[in-house]
Amino acid sequence: MPAEFYSRFLVHRFAMIDVIMSLLRRRKPIAPAPFILYQQHEEADIHGPPFRELTDCPQSVLSFLVKISILASDAELENDDRFAGAYQLETTMRDSPCLSETSSQDDHLSTLNAYFY
């Protein structure tokens, strides 16, 4: 990740835009799945300007949105497999320690559910 504030801010914003556009256009995000902001890591809100401060969204929510986008846009999956993957992802979200630390866990899960369902 870039060390300078504006560079970091732009990377975070473009990652958010990429994920939101992928959900709106029903396609996979342009950035590859192993992109650092698309992976869950606790250090995202510790080093440099916090991800949550720059985007008003916890980094763990962004990583789940990426997984939802990839799952929803995969044309090769049958509906049963897609629903099984969605159920597994929802279970993972509910058990996630990253979301359970926040006071508004239900708000974050409601936002994610609204995007997917």
Protein backbone atom coordinates (compact mmCIF):
# COMPACT_ATOMS: atom_id res chain seq x y z
CA MET A 1 0.00 0.00 0.00
CA PRO A 2 1.19 3.53 -0.68
CA ALA A 3 2.54 5.38 2.34
CA GLU A 4 1.40 8.88 1.38
CA PHE A 5 -2.03 10.01 2.50
CA TYR A 6 -3.45 11.03 -0.89
CA SER A 7 -2.13 7.95 -2.66
CA ARG A 8 -3.60 5.70 0.00
CA PHE A 9 -6.88 7.64 -0.09
CA LEU A 10 -7.17 7.21 -3.87
CA VAL A 11 -6.39 3.48 -3.74
CA HIS A 12 -9.07 2.97 -1.08
CA ARG A 13 -11.64 5.04 -3.00
CA PHE A 14 -10.96 3.31 -6.31
CA ALA A 15 -11.25 -0.08 -4.62
CA MET A 16 -14.66 0.91 -3.24
CA ILE A 17 -15.78 2.24 -6.63
CA ASP A 18 -14.59 -0.95 -8.34
CA VAL A 19 -16.61 -3.15 -5.97
CA ILE A 20 -19.76 -1.01 -6.11
CA MET A 21 -19.62 -0.83 -9.92
CA SER A 22 -19.16 -4.59 -10.11
CA LEU A 23 -22.29 -5.06 -8.01
CA LEU A 24 -24.29 -2.58 -10.07
CA ARG A 25 -23.14 -4.01 -13.41
CA ARG A 26 -23.25 -7.64 -12.27
CA ARG A 27 -19.65 -8.37 -13.13
CA LYS A 28 -16.50 -9.29 -11.25
CA PRO A 29 -14.34 -6.46 -9.88
CA ILE A 30 -11.63 -5.25 -12.24
CA ALA A 31 -8.91 -5.59 -9.62
CA PRO A 32 -7.86 -9.24 -9.17
CA ALA A 33 -9.20 -11.21 -6.21
CA PRO A 34 -5.79 -11.34 -4.44
CA PHE A 35 -5.69 -7.49 -4.33
CA ILE A 36 -4.63 -6.52 -0.80
CA LEU A 37 -7.75 -4.50 0.02
CA TYR A 38 -9.98 -7.37 -1.07
CA GLN A 39 -8.45 -9.67 1.55
CA GLN A 40 -9.42 -9.54 5.20
CA HIS A 41 -6.66 -8.24 7.41
CA GLU A 42 -6.81 -6.52 10.76
CA GLU A 43 -3.94 -4.14 9.95
CA ALA A 44 -6.04 -2.15 7.46
CA ASP A 45 -7.31 0.09 10.24
CA ILE A 46 -4.04 0.27 12.18
CA HIS A 47 -1.28 1.45 9.81
CA GLY A 48 -1.48 4.80 8.08
CA PRO A 49 -4.83 6.50 7.75
CA PRO A 50 -7.45 3.92 8.79
CA PHE A 51 -9.45 2.36 5.96
CA ARG A 52 -12.67 3.06 7.81
CA GLU A 53 -11.84 6.76 8.16
CA LEU A 54 -11.04 7.13 4.47
CA THR A 55 -14.05 5.23 3.13
CA ASP A 56 -16.59 5.22 5.98
CA CYS A 57 -16.72 1.44 5.63
CA PRO A 58 -14.86 -1.27 7.57
CA GLN A 59 -12.30 -3.11 5.45
CA SER A 60 -13.91 -6.44 6.35
CA VAL A 61 -17.19 -5.27 4.77
CA LEU A 62 -15.34 -4.46 1.55
CA SER A 63 -13.79 -7.93 1.46
CA PHE A 64 -17.21 -9.53 1.92
CA LEU A 65 -18.69 -7.31 -0.81
CA VAL A 66 -15.97 -8.54 -3.17
CA LYS A 67 -16.83 -12.15 -2.36
CA ILE A 68 -20.53 -11.41 -2.92
CA SER A 69 -19.79 -9.73 -6.23
CA ILE A 70 -17.69 -12.65 -7.45
CA LEU A 71 -20.31 -15.16 -6.32
CA ALA A 72 -23.19 -13.24 -7.91
CA SER A 73 -21.42 -12.71 -11.24
CA ASP A 74 -20.20 -16.28 -11.73
CA ALA A 75 -22.28 -17.47 -14.69
CA GLU A 76 -20.99 -21.04 -14.43
CA LEU A 77 -22.66 -21.66 -11.07
CA GLU A 78 -26.07 -23.25 -10.88
CA ASN A 79 -28.61 -21.54 -8.63
CA ASP A 80 -28.34 -24.26 -5.98
CA ASP A 81 -24.56 -23.86 -5.84
CA ARG A 82 -24.89 -20.08 -5.74
CA PHE A 83 -27.37 -20.24 -2.85
CA ALA A 84 -25.14 -22.71 -1.00
CA GLY A 85 -22.19 -20.37 -1.48
CA ALA A 86 -24.30 -17.41 -0.33
CA TYR A 87 -25.42 -19.28 2.77
CA GLN A 88 -21.83 -20.25 3.57
CA LEU A 89 -20.68 -16.66 3.05
CA GLU A 90 -23.44 -15.32 5.30
CA THR A 91 -22.45 -17.80 8.01
CA THR A 92 -18.83 -16.72 7.66
CA MET A 93 -19.86 -13.06 7.94
CA ARG A 94 -21.86 -13.69 11.09
CA ASP A 95 -18.96 -15.59 12.67
CA SER A 96 -16.34 -13.07 11.57
CA PRO A 97 -14.42 -11.51 14.46
CA CYS A 98 -13.85 -8.39 12.33
CA LEU A 99 -17.56 -7.62 12.22
CA SER A 100 -18.35 -8.73 15.75
CA GLU A 101 -15.96 -6.13 17.21
CA THR A 102 -18.03 -3.27 15.85
CA SER A 103 -21.07 -2.04 17.71
CA SER A 104 -23.14 -1.96 14.55
CA GLN A 105 -22.64 -5.54 13.40
CA ASP A 106 -26.28 -5.92 12.40
CA ASP A 107 -26.09 -2.73 10.32
CA HIS A 108 -23.10 -4.06 8.37
CA LEU A 109 -24.74 -7.45 7.80
CA SER A 110 -27.97 -5.77 6.70
CA THR A 111 -26.02 -3.72 4.17
CA LEU A 112 -24.29 -6.81 2.81
CA ASN A 113 -27.55 -8.76 2.65
CA ALA A 114 -29.26 -5.91 0.80
CA TYR A 115 -26.54 -5.96 -1.86
CA PHE A 116 -26.67 -9.71 -2.39
CA TYR A 117 -30.33 -10.59 -1.96
